Amino acid sequence: SSSAMGWFRQAPGKERGFVATISWSGGSTYYADSVKGRFTI
């Protein structure tokens, strides 16, 4: 409850990359450009 949480992804042959993160309050979020507007954390 006091940690930021995040989602990352790794496609075959690629490095693990950032997808989305949310603050521990839930009031702040941030997304990778590739998923912005399509994904919700």
PDB file of all heavy atoms in Angstrom:
ATOM      1  N   SER A   1       0.800  -1.223   0.000  1.00  0.00           N
ATOM      2  CA  SER A   1       0.000   0.000   0.000  1.00  0.00           C
ATOM      3  C   SER A   1       0.832   1.273   0.000  1.00  0.00           C
ATOM      4  O   SER A   1       0.305   2.345  -0.281  1.00  0.00           O
ATOM      5  CB  SER A   1      -0.957   0.008   1.189  1.00  0.00           C
ATOM      6  OG  SER A   1      -0.232  -0.074   2.401  1.00  0.00           O
ATOM      7  N   SER A   2       2.127   1.176   0.306  1.00  0.00           N
ATOM      8  CA  SER A   2       3.013   2.339   0.242  1.00  0.00           C
ATOM      9  C   SER A   2       4.035   2.234  -0.888  1.00  0.00           C
ATOM     10  O   SER A   2       5.007   2.994  -0.924  1.00  0.00           O
ATOM     11  CB  SER A   2       3.749   2.520   1.572  1.00  0.00           C
ATOM     12  OG  SER A   2       2.848   2.801   2.607  1.00  0.00           O
ATOM     13  N   SER A   3       3.812   1.296  -1.787  1.00  0.00           N
ATOM     14  CA  SER A   3       4.725   1.080  -2.908  1.00  0.00           C
ATOM     15  C   SER A   3       4.077   1.529  -4.204  1.00  0.00           C
ATOM     16  O   SER A   3       2.878   1.337  -4.398  1.00  0.00           O
ATOM     17  CB  SER A   3       5.085  -0.407  -3.030  1.00  0.00           C
ATOM     18  OG  SER A   3       5.725  -0.884  -1.871  1.00  0.00           O
ATOM     19  N   ALA A   4       4.881   2.100  -5.104  1.00  0.00           N
ATOM     20  CA  ALA A   4       4.408   2.250  -6.465  1.00  0.00           C
ATOM     21  C   ALA A   4       4.378   0.867  -7.101  1.00  0.00           C
ATOM     22  O   ALA A   4       5.201   0.008  -6.796  1.00  0.00           O
ATOM     23  CB  ALA A   4       5.315   3.171  -7.253  1.00  0.00           C
ATOM     24  N   MET A   5       3.410   0.661  -7.975  1.00  0.00           N
ATOM     25  CA  MET A   5       3.282  -0.603  -8.680  1.00  0.00           C
ATOM     26  C   MET A   5       3.412  -0.336 -10.168  1.00  0.00           C
ATOM     27  O   MET A   5       3.048   0.730 -10.667  1.00  0.00           O
ATOM     28  CB  MET A   5       1.931  -1.245  -8.399  1.00  0.00           C
ATOM     29  CG  MET A   5       1.640  -1.488  -6.933  1.00  0.00           C
ATOM     30  SD  MET A   5       2.676  -2.753  -6.191  1.00  0.00           S
ATOM     31  CE  MET A   5       2.044  -4.227  -7.001  1.00  0.00           C
ATOM     32  N   GLY A   6       3.933  -1.324 -10.873  1.00  0.00           N
ATOM     33  CA  GLY A   6       4.115  -1.142 -12.306  1.00  0.00           C
ATOM     34  C   GLY A   6       3.865  -2.410 -13.086  1.00  0.00           C
ATOM     35  O   GLY A   6       3.844  -3.514 -12.518  1.00  0.00           O
ATOM     36  N   TRP A   7       3.642  -2.230 -14.366  1.00  0.00           N
ATOM     37  CA  TRP A   7       3.551  -3.333 -15.316  1.00  0.00           C
ATOM     38  C   TRP A   7       4.649  -3.159 -16.355  1.00  0.00           C
ATOM     39  O   TRP A   7       4.859  -2.057 -16.869  1.00  0.00           O
ATOM     40  CB  TRP A   7       2.196  -3.366 -16.011  1.00  0.00           C
ATOM     41  CG  TRP A   7       1.073  -3.830 -15.142  1.00  0.00           C
ATOM     42  CD1 TRP A   7       0.201  -3.050 -14.429  1.00  0.00           C
ATOM     43  CD2 TRP A   7       0.683  -5.186 -14.894  1.00  0.00           C
ATOM     44  NE1 TRP A   7      -0.686  -3.839 -13.746  1.00  0.00           N
ATOM     45  CE2 TRP A   7      -0.425  -5.152 -14.024  1.00  0.00           C
ATOM     46  CE3 TRP A   7       1.150  -6.429 -15.329  1.00  0.00           C
ATOM     47  CZ2 TRP A   7      -1.054  -6.311 -13.580  1.00  0.00           C
ATOM     48  CZ3 TRP A   7       0.522  -7.573 -14.889  1.00  0.00           C
ATOM     49  CH2 TRP A   7      -0.575  -7.507 -14.020  1.00  0.00           C
ATOM     50  N   PHE A   8       5.308  -4.246 -16.646  1.00  0.00           N
ATOM     51  CA  PHE A   8       6.345  -4.289 -17.675  1.00  0.00           C
ATOM     52  C   PHE A   8       6.021  -5.444 -18.614  1.00  0.00           C
ATOM     53  O   PHE A   8       5.215  -6.319 -18.278  1.00  0.00           O
ATOM     54  CB  PHE A   8       7.724  -4.494 -17.043  1.00  0.00           C
ATOM     55  CG  PHE A   8       8.194  -3.326 -16.225  1.00  0.00           C
ATOM     56  CD1 PHE A   8       7.692  -3.081 -14.951  1.00  0.00           C
ATOM     57  CD2 PHE A   8       9.136  -2.442 -16.730  1.00  0.00           C
ATOM     58  CE1 PHE A   8       8.107  -1.997 -14.200  1.00  0.00           C
ATOM     59  CE2 PHE A   8       9.567  -1.348 -15.984  1.00  0.00           C
ATOM     60  CZ  PHE A   8       9.050  -1.130 -14.723  1.00  0.00           C
ATOM     61  N   ARG A   9       6.633  -5.450 -19.772  1.00  0.00           N
ATOM     62  CA  ARG A   9       6.410  -6.559 -20.690  1.00  0.00           C
ATOM     63  C   ARG A   9       7.683  -6.890 -21.448  1.00  0.00           C
ATOM     64  O   ARG A   9       8.554  -6.030 -21.629  1.00  0.00           O
ATOM     65  CB  ARG A   9       5.276  -6.249 -21.670  1.00  0.00           C
ATOM     66  CG  ARG A   9       5.551  -5.117 -22.648  1.00  0.00           C
ATOM     67  CD  ARG A   9       4.294  -4.809 -23.456  1.00  0.00           C
ATOM     68  NE  ARG A   9       4.510  -3.753 -24.444  1.00  0.00           N
ATOM     69  CZ  ARG A   9       3.552  -3.229 -25.197  1.00  0.00           C
ATOM     70  NH1 ARG A   9       2.288  -3.660 -25.080  1.00  0.00           N
ATOM     71  NH2 ARG A   9       3.825  -2.276 -26.066  1.00  0.00           N
ATOM     72  N   GLN A  10       7.759  -8.146 -21.871  1.00  0.00           N
ATOM     73  CA  GLN A  10       8.918  -8.601 -22.629  1.00  0.00           C
ATOM     74  C   GLN A  10       8.452  -9.477 -23.770  1.00  0.00           C
ATOM     75  O   GLN A  10       7.858 -10.536 -23.552  1.00  0.00           O
ATOM     76  CB  GLN A  10       9.888  -9.371 -21.738  1.00  0.00           C
ATOM     77  CG  GLN A  10      11.189  -9.738 -22.425  1.00  0.00           C
ATOM     78  CD  GLN A  10      12.239 -10.232 -21.447  1.00  0.00           C
ATOM     79  OE1 GLN A  10      11.940 -10.622 -20.314  1.00  0.00           O
ATOM     80  NE2 GLN A  10      13.497 -10.205 -21.872  1.00  0.00           N
ATOM     81  N   ALA A  11       8.719  -9.001 -24.975  1.00  0.00           N
ATOM     82  CA  ALA A  11       8.406  -9.764 -26.174  1.00  0.00           C
ATOM     83  C   ALA A  11       9.599 -10.640 -26.541  1.00  0.00           C
ATOM     84  O   ALA A  11      10.730 -10.355 -26.136  1.00  0.00           O
ATOM     85  CB  ALA A  11       8.074  -8.813 -27.321  1.00  0.00           C
ATOM     86  N   PRO A  12       9.381 -11.701 -27.298  1.00  0.00           N
ATOM     87  CA  PRO A  12      10.487 -12.581 -27.683  1.00  0.00           C
ATOM     88  C   PRO A  12      11.604 -11.816 -28.373  1.00  0.00           C
ATOM     89  O   PRO A  12      11.355 -11.011 -29.288  1.00  0.00           O
ATOM     90  CB  PRO A  12       9.821 -13.570 -28.645  1.00  0.00           C
ATOM     91  CG  PRO A  12       8.399 -13.593 -28.227  1.00  0.00           C
ATOM     92  CD  PRO A  12       8.086 -12.201 -27.789  1.00  0.00           C
ATOM     93  N   GLY A  13      12.821 -12.016 -27.907  1.00  0.00           N
ATOM     94  CA  GLY A  13      13.973 -11.377 -28.517  1.00  0.00           C
ATOM     95  C   GLY A  13      14.167  -9.925 -28.149  1.00  0.00           C
ATOM     96  O   GLY A  13      15.056  -9.252 -28.695  1.00  0.00           O
ATOM     97  N   LYS A  14      13.329  -9.418 -27.240  1.00  0.00           N
ATOM     98  CA  LYS A  14      13.444  -8.012 -26.851  1.00  0.00           C
ATOM     99  C   LYS A  14      13.678  -7.895 -25.355  1.00  0.00           C
ATOM    100  O   LYS A  14      13.413  -8.816 -24.583  1.00  0.00           O
ATOM    101  CB  LYS A  14      12.166  -7.258 -27.243  1.00  0.00           C
ATOM    102  CG  LYS A  14      11.943  -7.169 -28.738  1.00  0.00           C
ATOM    103  CD  LYS A  14      10.775  -6.262 -29.064  1.00  0.00           C
ATOM    104  CE  LYS A  14      10.593  -6.099 -30.558  1.00  0.00           C
ATOM    105  NZ  LYS A  14       9.465  -5.189 -30.891  1.00  0.00           N
ATOM    106  N   GLU A  15      14.153  -6.743 -24.942  1.00  0.00           N
ATOM    107  CA  GLU A  15      14.357  -6.487 -23.531  1.00  0.00           C
ATOM    108  C   GLU A  15      13.022  -6.178 -22.852  1.00  0.00           C
ATOM    109  O   GLU A  15      12.067  -5.740 -23.506  1.00  0.00           O
ATOM    110  CB  GLU A  15      15.325  -5.310 -23.341  1.00  0.00           C
ATOM    111  CG  GLU A  15      16.741  -5.602 -23.799  1.00  0.00           C
ATOM    112  CD  GLU A  15      17.689  -4.463 -23.460  1.00  0.00           C
ATOM    113  OE1 GLU A  15      17.219  -3.414 -22.996  1.00  0.00           O
ATOM    114  OE2 GLU A  15      18.898  -4.639 -23.667  1.00  0.00           O
ATOM    115  N   ARG A  16      12.985  -6.388 -21.549  1.00  0.00           N
ATOM    116  CA  ARG A  16      11.793  -6.040 -20.783  1.00  0.00           C
ATOM    117  C   ARG A  16      11.609  -4.536 -20.808  1.00  0.00           C
ATOM    118  O   ARG A  16      12.563  -3.782 -20.573  1.00  0.00           O
ATOM    119  CB  ARG A  16      11.935  -6.548 -19.352  1.00  0.00           C
ATOM    120  CG  ARG A  16      10.673  -6.447 -18.530  1.00  0.00           C
ATOM    121  CD  ARG A  16      10.861  -7.085 -17.164  1.00  0.00           C
ATOM    122  NE  ARG A  16      11.220  -8.489 -17.261  1.00  0.00           N
ATOM    123  CZ  ARG A  16      11.310  -9.295 -16.213  1.00  0.00           C
ATOM    124  NH1 ARG A  16      11.055  -8.836 -14.999  1.00  0.00           N
ATOM    125  NH2 ARG A  16      11.654 -10.567 -16.370  1.00  0.00           N
ATOM    126  N   GLY A  17      10.391  -4.090 -21.097  1.00  0.00           N
ATOM    127  CA  GLY A  17      10.126  -2.665 -21.204  1.00  0.00           C
ATOM    128  C   GLY A  17       8.970  -2.216 -20.335  1.00  0.00           C
ATOM    129  O   GLY A  17       8.077  -2.992 -19.995  1.00  0.00           O
ATOM    130  N   PHE A  18       8.984  -0.957 -20.008  1.00  0.00           N
ATOM    131  CA  PHE A  18       7.972  -0.330 -19.157  1.00  0.00           C
ATOM    132  C   PHE A  18       6.643  -0.218 -19.887  1.00  0.00           C
ATOM    133  O   PHE A  18       6.600   0.112 -21.075  1.00  0.00           O
ATOM    134  CB  PHE A  18       8.463   1.057 -18.743  1.00  0.00           C
ATOM    135  CG  PHE A  18       7.407   1.920 -18.114  1.00  0.00           C
ATOM    136  CD1 PHE A  18       7.027   1.731 -16.805  1.00  0.00           C
ATOM    137  CD2 PHE A  18       6.799   2.923 -18.848  1.00  0.00           C
ATOM    138  CE1 PHE A  18       6.045   2.518 -16.228  1.00  0.00           C
ATOM    139  CE2 PHE A  18       5.822   3.730 -18.288  1.00  0.00           C
ATOM    140  CZ  PHE A  18       5.444   3.520 -16.976  1.00  0.00           C
ATOM    141  N   VAL A  19       5.558  -0.473 -19.158  1.00  0.00           N
ATOM    142  CA  VAL A  19       4.216  -0.324 -19.720  1.00  0.00           C
ATOM    143  C   VAL A  19       3.436   0.767 -18.986  1.00  0.00           C
ATOM    144  O   VAL A  19       2.925   1.702 -19.592  1.00  0.00           O
ATOM    145  CB  VAL A  19       3.441  -1.656 -19.657  1.00  0.00           C
ATOM    146  CG1 VAL A  19       2.006  -1.463 -20.141  1.00  0.00           C
ATOM    147  CG2 VAL A  19       4.143  -2.733 -20.475  1.00  0.00           C
ATOM    148  N   ALA A  20       3.339   0.626 -17.665  1.00  0.00           N
ATOM    149  CA  ALA A  20       2.528   1.571 -16.899  1.00  0.00           C
ATOM    150  C   ALA A  20       2.928   1.510 -15.437  1.00  0.00           C
ATOM    151  O   ALA A  20       3.441   0.498 -14.966  1.00  0.00           O
ATOM    152  CB  ALA A  20       1.045   1.248 -17.036  1.00  0.00           C
ATOM    153  N   THR A  21       2.671   2.602 -14.718  1.00  0.00           N
ATOM    154  CA  THR A  21       2.940   2.644 -13.291  1.00  0.00           C
ATOM    155  C   THR A  21       1.858   3.445 -12.592  1.00  0.00           C
ATOM    156  O   THR A  21       1.221   4.318 -13.208  1.00  0.00           O
ATOM    157  CB  THR A  21       4.324   3.238 -12.996  1.00  0.00           C
ATOM    158  OG1 THR A  21       4.560   3.216 -11.579  1.00  0.00           O
ATOM    159  CG2 THR A  21       4.439   4.672 -13.484  1.00  0.00           C
ATOM    160  N   ILE A  22       1.645   3.135 -11.316  1.00  0.00           N
ATOM    161  CA  ILE A  22       0.650   3.843 -10.514  1.00  0.00           C
ATOM    162  C   ILE A  22       1.233   4.110  -9.139  1.00  0.00           C
ATOM    163  O   ILE A  22       1.932   3.268  -8.573  1.00  0.00           O
ATOM    164  CB  ILE A  22      -0.654   3.013 -10.430  1.00  0.00           C
ATOM    165  CG1 ILE A  22      -1.763   3.804  -9.741  1.00  0.00           C
ATOM    166  CG2 ILE A  22      -0.425   1.662  -9.765  1.00  0.00           C
ATOM    167  CD1 ILE A  22      -3.148   3.177  -9.905  1.00  0.00           C
ATOM    168  N   SER A  23       0.963   5.302  -8.623  1.00  0.00           N
ATOM    169  CA  SER A  23       1.451   5.677  -7.300  1.00  0.00           C
ATOM    170  C   SER A  23       0.704   4.906  -6.220  1.00  0.00           C
ATOM    171  O   SER A  23      -0.355   4.317  -6.473  1.00  0.00           O
ATOM    172  CB  SER A  23       1.255   7.175  -7.084  1.00  0.00           C
ATOM    173  OG  SER A  23      -0.129   7.495  -7.136  1.00  0.00           O
ATOM    174  N   TRP A  24       1.254   4.945  -5.003  1.00  0.00           N
ATOM    175  CA  TRP A  24       0.605   4.128  -3.981  1.00  0.00           C
ATOM    176  C   TRP A  24      -0.753   4.676  -3.570  1.00  0.00           C
ATOM    177  O   TRP A  24      -1.609   3.945  -3.099  1.00  0.00           O
ATOM    178  CB  TRP A  24       1.512   3.855  -2.796  1.00  0.00           C
ATOM    179  CG  TRP A  24       2.041   4.971  -1.932  1.00  0.00           C
ATOM    180  CD1 TRP A  24       3.320   5.475  -1.954  1.00  0.00           C
ATOM    181  CD2 TRP A  24       1.384   5.665  -0.862  1.00  0.00           C
ATOM    182  NE1 TRP A  24       3.481   6.430  -0.991  1.00  0.00           N
ATOM    183  CE2 TRP A  24       2.310   6.568  -0.299  1.00  0.00           C
ATOM    184  CE3 TRP A  24       0.101   5.604  -0.310  1.00  0.00           C
ATOM    185  CZ2 TRP A  24       1.988   7.408   0.767  1.00  0.00           C
ATOM    186  CZ3 TRP A  24      -0.215   6.437   0.755  1.00  0.00           C
ATOM    187  CH2 TRP A  24       0.722   7.328   1.272  1.00  0.00           C
ATOM    188  N   SER A  25      -0.983   5.955  -3.782  1.00  0.00           N
ATOM    189  CA  SER A  25      -2.310   6.510  -3.513  1.00  0.00           C
ATOM    190  C   SER A  25      -3.303   6.154  -4.616  1.00  0.00           C
ATOM    191  O   SER A  25      -4.522   6.259  -4.422  1.00  0.00           O
ATOM    192  CB  SER A  25      -2.236   8.025  -3.393  1.00  0.00           C
ATOM    193  OG  SER A  25      -1.943   8.599  -4.658  1.00  0.00           O
ATOM    194  N   GLY A  26      -2.774   5.783  -5.782  1.00  0.00           N
ATOM    195  CA  GLY A  26      -3.627   5.547  -6.939  1.00  0.00           C
ATOM    196  C   GLY A  26      -3.961   6.806  -7.696  1.00  0.00           C
ATOM    197  O   GLY A  26      -4.580   6.759  -8.756  1.00  0.00           O
ATOM    198  N   GLY A  27      -3.506   7.952  -7.192  1.00  0.00           N
ATOM    199  CA  GLY A  27      -3.881   9.214  -7.801  1.00  0.00           C
ATOM    200  C   GLY A  27      -3.028   9.635  -8.976  1.00  0.00           C
ATOM    201  O   GLY A  27      -3.385  10.551  -9.711  1.00  0.00           O
ATOM    202  N   SER A  28      -1.882   8.992  -9.142  1.00  0.00           N
ATOM    203  CA  SER A  28      -0.991   9.322 -10.253  1.00  0.00           C
ATOM    204  C   SER A  28      -0.683   8.077 -11.065  1.00  0.00           C
ATOM    205  O   SER A  28      -0.440   7.005 -10.490  1.00  0.00           O
ATOM    206  CB  SER A  28       0.323   9.909  -9.739  1.00  0.00           C
ATOM    207  OG  SER A  28       0.112  11.112  -9.045  1.00  0.00           O
ATOM    208  N   THR A  29      -0.719   8.234 -12.372  1.00  0.00           N
ATOM    209  CA  THR A  29      -0.384   7.137 -13.274  1.00  0.00           C
ATOM    210  C   THR A  29       0.481   7.674 -14.411  1.00  0.00           C
ATOM    211  O   THR A  29       0.489   8.886 -14.695  1.00  0.00           O
ATOM    212  CB  THR A  29      -1.633   6.483 -13.881  1.00  0.00           C
ATOM    213  OG1 THR A  29      -2.403   7.485 -14.577  1.00  0.00           O
ATOM    214  CG2 THR A  29      -2.505   5.855 -12.806  1.00  0.00           C
ATOM    215  N   TYR A  30       1.186   6.752 -15.054  1.00  0.00           N
ATOM    216  CA  TYR A  30       2.024   7.131 -16.192  1.00  0.00           C
ATOM    217  C   TYR A  30       2.127   5.922 -17.102  1.00  0.00           C
ATOM    218  O   TYR A  30       2.226   4.789 -16.631  1.00  0.00           O
ATOM    219  CB  TYR A  30       3.414   7.569 -15.716  1.00  0.00           C
ATOM    220  CG  TYR A  30       4.290   8.095 -16.814  1.00  0.00           C
ATOM    221  CD1 TYR A  30       4.093   9.373 -17.331  1.00  0.00           C
ATOM    222  CD2 TYR A  30       5.321   7.322 -17.356  1.00  0.00           C
ATOM    223  CE1 TYR A  30       4.894   9.857 -18.348  1.00  0.00           C
ATOM    224  CE2 TYR A  30       6.124   7.801 -18.372  1.00  0.00           C
ATOM    225  CZ  TYR A  30       5.914   9.067 -18.868  1.00  0.00           C
ATOM    226  OH  TYR A  30       6.693   9.551 -19.877  1.00  0.00           O
ATOM    227  N   TYR A  31       2.103   6.198 -18.427  1.00  0.00           N
ATOM    228  CA  TYR A  31       2.073   5.108 -19.401  1.00  0.00           C
ATOM    229  C   TYR A  31       3.162   5.284 -20.454  1.00  0.00           C
ATOM    230  O   TYR A  31       3.541   6.411 -20.806  1.00  0.00           O
ATOM    231  CB  TYR A  31       0.716   5.085 -20.115  1.00  0.00           C
ATOM    232  CG  TYR A  31      -0.449   4.848 -19.194  1.00  0.00           C
ATOM    233  CD1 TYR A  31      -1.118   5.910 -18.599  1.00  0.00           C
ATOM    234  CD2 TYR A  31      -0.896   3.555 -18.930  1.00  0.00           C
ATOM    235  CE1 TYR A  31      -2.190   5.691 -17.742  1.00  0.00           C
ATOM    236  CE2 TYR A  31      -1.971   3.328 -18.074  1.00  0.00           C
ATOM    237  CZ  TYR A  31      -2.605   4.408 -17.490  1.00  0.00           C
ATOM    238  OH  TYR A  31      -3.669   4.180 -16.651  1.00  0.00           O
ATOM    239  N   ALA A  32       3.588   4.181 -20.987  1.00  0.00           N
ATOM    240  CA  ALA A  32       4.432   4.212 -22.169  1.00  0.00           C
ATOM    241  C   ALA A  32       3.610   4.771 -23.331  1.00  0.00           C
ATOM    242  O   ALA A  32       2.395   4.542 -23.410  1.00  0.00           O
ATOM    243  CB  ALA A  32       4.933   2.809 -22.505  1.00  0.00           C
ATOM    244  N   ASP A  33       4.250   5.490 -24.219  1.00  0.00           N
ATOM    245  CA  ASP A  33       3.542   6.093 -25.342  1.00  0.00           C
ATOM    246  C   ASP A  33       2.804   5.041 -26.175  1.00  0.00           C
ATOM    247  O   ASP A  33       1.720   5.313 -26.711  1.00  0.00           O
ATOM    248  CB  ASP A  33       4.522   6.851 -26.235  1.00  0.00           C
ATOM    249  CG  ASP A  33       4.996   8.146 -25.615  1.00  0.00           C
ATOM    250  OD1 ASP A  33       4.359   8.620 -24.651  1.00  0.00           O
ATOM    251  OD2 ASP A  33       6.007   8.696 -26.103  1.00  0.00           O
ATOM    252  N   SER A  34       3.375   3.861 -26.258  1.00  0.00           N
ATOM    253  CA  SER A  34       2.802   2.818 -27.109  1.00  0.00           C
ATOM    254  C   SER A  34       1.461   2.289 -26.607  1.00  0.00           C
ATOM    255  O   SER A  34       0.719   1.672 -27.372  1.00  0.00           O
ATOM    256  CB  SER A  34       3.791   1.661 -27.256  1.00  0.00           C
ATOM    257  OG  SER A  34       4.105   1.114 -25.984  1.00  0.00           O
ATOM    258  N   VAL A  35       1.152   2.531 -25.329  1.00  0.00           N
ATOM    259  CA  VAL A  35      -0.103   2.000 -24.779  1.00  0.00           C
ATOM    260  C   VAL A  35      -1.039   3.100 -24.302  1.00  0.00           C
ATOM    261  O   VAL A  35      -2.174   2.816 -23.906  1.00  0.00           O
ATOM    262  CB  VAL A  35       0.171   1.010 -23.627  1.00  0.00           C
ATOM    263  CG1 VAL A  35       1.125  -0.084 -24.074  1.00  0.00           C
ATOM    264  CG2 VAL A  35       0.680   1.720 -22.386  1.00  0.00           C
ATOM    265  N   LYS A  36      -0.581   4.327 -24.328  1.00  0.00           N
ATOM    266  CA  LYS A  36      -1.375   5.440 -23.816  1.00  0.00           C
ATOM    267  C   LYS A  36      -2.698   5.536 -24.569  1.00  0.00           C
ATOM    268  O   LYS A  36      -2.746   5.466 -25.791  1.00  0.00           O
ATOM    269  CB  LYS A  36      -0.581   6.736 -23.971  1.00  0.00           C
ATOM    270  CG  LYS A  36      -1.019   7.871 -23.083  1.00  0.00           C
ATOM    271  CD  LYS A  36      -0.037   9.039 -23.196  1.00  0.00           C
ATOM    272  CE  LYS A  36       1.335   8.678 -22.679  1.00  0.00           C
ATOM    273  NZ  LYS A  36       2.285   9.813 -22.754  1.00  0.00           N
ATOM    274  N   GLY A  37      -3.780   5.670 -23.812  1.00  0.00           N
ATOM    275  CA  GLY A  37      -5.097   5.762 -24.414  1.00  0.00           C
ATOM    276  C   GLY A  37      -5.765   4.417 -24.643  1.00  0.00           C
ATOM    277  O   GLY A  37      -6.961   4.353 -24.929  1.00  0.00           O
ATOM    278  N   ARG A  38      -4.999   3.335 -24.515  1.00  0.00           N
ATOM    279  CA  ARG A  38      -5.547   1.985 -24.702  1.00  0.00           C
ATOM    280  C   ARG A  38      -5.517   1.167 -23.414  1.00  0.00           C
ATOM    281  O   ARG A  38      -6.400   0.349 -23.182  1.00  0.00           O
ATOM    282  CB  ARG A  38      -4.756   1.235 -25.771  1.00  0.00           C
ATOM    283  CG  ARG A  38      -4.782   1.899 -27.142  1.00  0.00           C
ATOM    284  CD  ARG A  38      -4.134   1.010 -28.203  1.00  0.00           C
ATOM    285  NE  ARG A  38      -2.726   0.738 -27.926  1.00  0.00           N
ATOM    286  CZ  ARG A  38      -2.220  -0.479 -27.780  1.00  0.00           C
ATOM    287  NH1 ARG A  38      -2.993  -1.552 -27.875  1.00  0.00           N
ATOM    288  NH2 ARG A  38      -0.915  -0.655 -27.533  1.00  0.00           N
ATOM    289  N   PHE A  39      -4.503   1.383 -22.586  1.00  0.00           N
ATOM    290  CA  PHE A  39      -4.333   0.622 -21.345  1.00  0.00           C
ATOM    291  C   PHE A  39      -4.648   1.522 -20.151  1.00  0.00           C
ATOM    292  O   PHE A  39      -4.379   2.733 -20.184  1.00  0.00           O
ATOM    293  CB  PHE A  39      -2.910   0.112 -21.204  1.00  0.00           C
ATOM    294  CG  PHE A  39      -2.512  -0.982 -22.167  1.00  0.00           C
ATOM    295  CD1 PHE A  39      -3.296  -1.323 -23.262  1.00  0.00           C
ATOM    296  CD2 PHE A  39      -1.329  -1.678 -21.971  1.00  0.00           C
ATOM    297  CE1 PHE A  39      -2.918  -2.323 -24.142  1.00  0.00           C
ATOM    298  CE2 PHE A  39      -0.929  -2.682 -22.831  1.00  0.00           C
ATOM    299  CZ  PHE A  39      -1.725  -3.002 -23.926  1.00  0.00           C
ATOM    300  N   THR A  40      -5.175   0.916 -19.093  1.00  0.00           N
ATOM    301  CA  THR A  40      -5.447   1.636 -17.857  1.00  0.00           C
ATOM    302  C   THR A  40      -4.956   0.809 -16.677  1.00  0.00           C
ATOM    303  O   THR A  40      -5.347  -0.349 -16.525  1.00  0.00           O
ATOM    304  CB  THR A  40      -6.940   1.917 -17.690  1.00  0.00           C
ATOM    305  OG1 THR A  40      -7.416   2.674 -18.815  1.00  0.00           O
ATOM    306  CG2 THR A  40      -7.198   2.714 -16.416  1.00  0.00           C
ATOM    307  N   ILE A  41      -4.112   1.422 -15.859  1.00  0.00           N
ATOM    308  CA  ILE A  41      -3.632   0.767 -14.654  1.00  0.00           C
ATOM    309  C   ILE A  41      -4.462   1.258 -13.469  1.00  0.00           C
ATOM    310  O   ILE A  41      -4.832   2.433 -13.397  1.00  0.00           O
ATOM    311  CB  ILE A  41      -2.124   1.040 -14.431  1.00  0.00           C
ATOM    312  CG1 ILE A  41      -1.574   0.192 -13.286  1.00  0.00           C
ATOM    313  CG2 ILE A  41      -1.846   2.522 -14.228  1.00  0.00           C
ATOM    314  CD1 ILE A  41      -0.056   0.256 -13.158  1.00  0.00           C
TER     315      ILE A  41
END
